[in-house]
C-alpha atoms as a PDB file:
ATOM      1  CA  UNK A   1     189.409  89.439 152.652  1.00  0.00           C
ATOM      2  CA  UNK A   2     192.183  89.568 150.073  1.00  0.00           C
ATOM      3  CA  UNK A   3     194.620  90.912 152.642  1.00  0.00           C
ATOM      4  CA  UNK A   4     193.836  88.024 154.984  1.00  0.00           C
ATOM      5  CA  UNK A   5     194.103  85.355 152.287  1.00  0.00           C
ATOM      6  CA  UNK A   6     190.413  84.497 152.278  1.00  0.00           C
ATOM      7  CA  UNK A   7     189.896  85.643 148.695  1.00  0.00           C
ATOM      8  CA  UNK A   8     192.223  85.846 145.713  1.00  0.00           C
ATOM      9  CA  UNK A   9     192.769  89.278 144.148  1.00  0.00           C
ATOM     10  CA  UNK A  10     191.438  87.948 140.829  1.00  0.00           C
ATOM     11  CA  UNK A  11     188.223  86.692 142.418  1.00  0.00           C
ATOM     12  CA  UNK A  12     187.724  89.950 144.330  1.00  0.00           C
ATOM     13  CA  UNK A  13     188.140  92.096 141.210  1.00  0.00           C
ATOM     14  CA  UNK A  14     185.915  89.874 139.066  1.00  0.00           C
ATOM     15  CA  UNK A  15     183.217  89.778 141.766  1.00  0.00           C
ATOM     16  CA  UNK A  16     183.354  93.562 142.067  1.00  0.00           C
ATOM     17  CA  UNK A  17     182.981  93.913 138.308  1.00  0.00           C
ATOM     18  CA  UNK A  18     179.987  91.529 138.257  1.00  0.00           C
ATOM     19  CA  UNK A  19     178.355  93.420 141.123  1.00  0.00           C
ATOM     20  CA  UNK A  20     178.750  96.759 139.354  1.00  0.00           C
ATOM     21  CA  UNK A  21     177.436  95.393 136.063  1.00  0.00           C
ATOM     22  CA  UNK A  22     174.517  93.569 137.704  1.00  0.00           C
ATOM     23  CA  UNK A  23     173.607  96.714 139.622  1.00  0.00           C
ATOM     24  CA  UNK A  24     173.719  98.758 136.427  1.00  0.00           C
ATOM     25  CA  UNK A  25     171.204  96.346 134.887  1.00  0.00           C
ATOM     26  CA  UNK A  26     168.784  96.488 137.839  1.00  0.00           C
ATOM     27  CA  UNK A  27     165.741  98.376 136.500  1.00  0.00           C
ATOM     28  CA  UNK A  28     164.368  98.938 139.999  1.00  0.00           C
ATOM     29  CA  UNK A  29     167.287 101.185 140.974  1.00  0.00           C
ATOM     30  CA  UNK A  30     167.408 104.907 140.170  1.00  0.00           C
ATOM     31  CA  UNK A  31     168.916 105.789 136.806  1.00  0.00           C
ATOM     32  CA  UNK A  32     171.711 107.942 138.221  1.00  0.00           C
ATOM     33  CA  UNK A  33     172.879 105.138 140.522  1.00  0.00           C
ATOM     34  CA  UNK A  34     172.900 102.633 137.657  1.00  0.00           C
ATOM     35  CA  UNK A  35     174.921 105.011 135.475  1.00  0.00           C
ATOM     36  CA  UNK A  36     177.481 105.511 138.236  1.00  0.00           C
ATOM     37  CA  UNK A  37     177.908 101.759 138.588  1.00  0.00           C
ATOM     38  CA  UNK A  38     178.436 101.424 134.857  1.00  0.00           C
ATOM     39  CA  UNK A  39     180.884 104.342 134.864  1.00  0.00           C
ATOM     40  CA  UNK A  40     183.003 102.651 137.548  1.00  0.00           C
ATOM     41  CA  UNK A  41     182.948  99.113 136.135  1.00  0.00           C
ATOM     42  CA  UNK A  42     186.241  99.705 134.309  1.00  0.00           C
ATOM     43  CA  UNK A  43     188.158  99.922 137.612  1.00  0.00           C
ATOM     44  CA  UNK A  44     188.085  96.226 138.517  1.00  0.00           C
ATOM     45  CA  UNK A  45     188.830  95.413 134.866  1.00  0.00           C
ATOM     46  CA  UNK A  46     191.965  97.523 135.105  1.00  0.00           C
ATOM     47  CA  UNK A  47     192.956  95.525 138.195  1.00  0.00           C
ATOM     48  CA  UNK A  48     192.294  92.261 136.365  1.00  0.00           C
ATOM     49  CA  UNK A  49     194.470  93.455 133.514  1.00  0.00           C
ATOM     50  CA  UNK A  50     197.434  93.717 135.867  1.00  0.00           C
ATOM     51  CA  UNK A  51     196.650  90.292 137.380  1.00  0.00           C
ATOM     52  CA  UNK A  52     196.092  88.345 134.135  1.00  0.00           C
ATOM     53  CA  UNK A  53     199.156  86.157 133.722  1.00  0.00           C
ATOM     54  CA  UNK A  54     197.744  83.033 132.078  1.00  0.00           C
ATOM     55  CA  UNK A  55     196.097  82.633 128.700  1.00  0.00           C
ATOM     56  CA  UNK A  56     192.860  81.553 130.412  1.00  0.00           C
ATOM     57  CA  UNK A  57     192.830  84.740 132.497  1.00  0.00           C
ATOM     58  CA  UNK A  58     193.529  86.844 129.398  1.00  0.00           C
ATOM     59  CA  UNK A  59     190.553  85.204 127.651  1.00  0.00           C
ATOM     60  CA  UNK A  60     188.315  85.748 130.681  1.00  0.00           C
ATOM     61  CA  UNK A  61     189.380  89.391 130.869  1.00  0.00           C
ATOM     62  CA  UNK A  62     188.628  89.823 127.174  1.00  0.00           C
ATOM     63  CA  UNK A  63     185.136  88.390 127.696  1.00  0.00           C
ATOM     64  CA  UNK A  64     184.469  90.730 130.632  1.00  0.00           C
ATOM     65  CA  UNK A  65     185.687  93.742 128.629  1.00  0.00           C
ATOM     66  CA  UNK A  66     183.362  92.783 125.804  1.00  0.00           C
ATOM     67  CA  UNK A  67     180.444  92.513 128.223  1.00  0.00           C
ATOM     68  CA  UNK A  68     181.113  96.046 129.418  1.00  0.00           C
ATOM     69  CA  UNK A  69     181.544  97.355 125.877  1.00  0.00           C
ATOM     70  CA  UNK A  70     178.176  96.070 124.673  1.00  0.00           C
ATOM     71  CA  UNK A  71     176.184  96.979 127.780  1.00  0.00           C
ATOM     72  CA  UNK A  72     173.135  99.095 127.061  1.00  0.00           C
ATOM     73  CA  UNK A  73     170.975 100.437 129.835  1.00  0.00           C
ATOM     74  CA  UNK A  74     167.229 100.561 129.525  1.00  0.00           C
ATOM     75  CA  UNK A  75     165.338 103.147 131.574  1.00  0.00           C
ATOM     76  CA  UNK A  76     164.625 102.461 135.229  1.00  0.00           C
ATOM     77  CA  UNK A  77     161.120 101.713 136.414  1.00  0.00           C
ATOM     78  CA  UNK A  78     159.289 104.965 137.130  1.00  0.00           C
ATOM     79  CA  UNK A  79     158.816 105.888 140.756  1.00  0.00           C
ATOM     80  CA  UNK A  80     155.150 106.236 141.582  1.00  0.00           C
ATOM     81  CA  UNK A  81     154.376 107.684 144.973  1.00  0.00           C
ATOM     82  CA  UNK A  82     151.726 105.695 146.854  1.00  0.00           C
ATOM     83  CA  UNK A  83     148.273 107.264 146.997  1.00  0.00           C
ATOM     84  CA  UNK A  84     147.785 109.438 150.063  1.00  0.00           C
ATOM     85  CA  UNK A  85     151.514 110.170 150.357  1.00  0.00           C
ATOM     86  CA  UNK A  86     151.662 112.991 147.826  1.00  0.00           C
ATOM     87  CA  UNK A  87     152.680 116.412 149.053  1.00  0.00           C
ATOM     88  CA  UNK A  88     150.501 118.950 147.370  1.00  0.00           C
END
């Protein structure tokens, strides 16, 4: 979408960051998947760093970096196999 001019690079990177952070906070997803999303959230921030040319963008980037820095994950919901589906 960026290549075809339908989305700005800034918007694409910020949306990617939000998606990764929102996914990391989703308690219904497996723990390992949430950790991977959190581990990769720095990548779009690095892209935003190279794109930030105005003071407003610098402030927005700073806010996003702070959000990542203070993120704490709580455990995922436990997976309980439905009755009758257990392999014994």
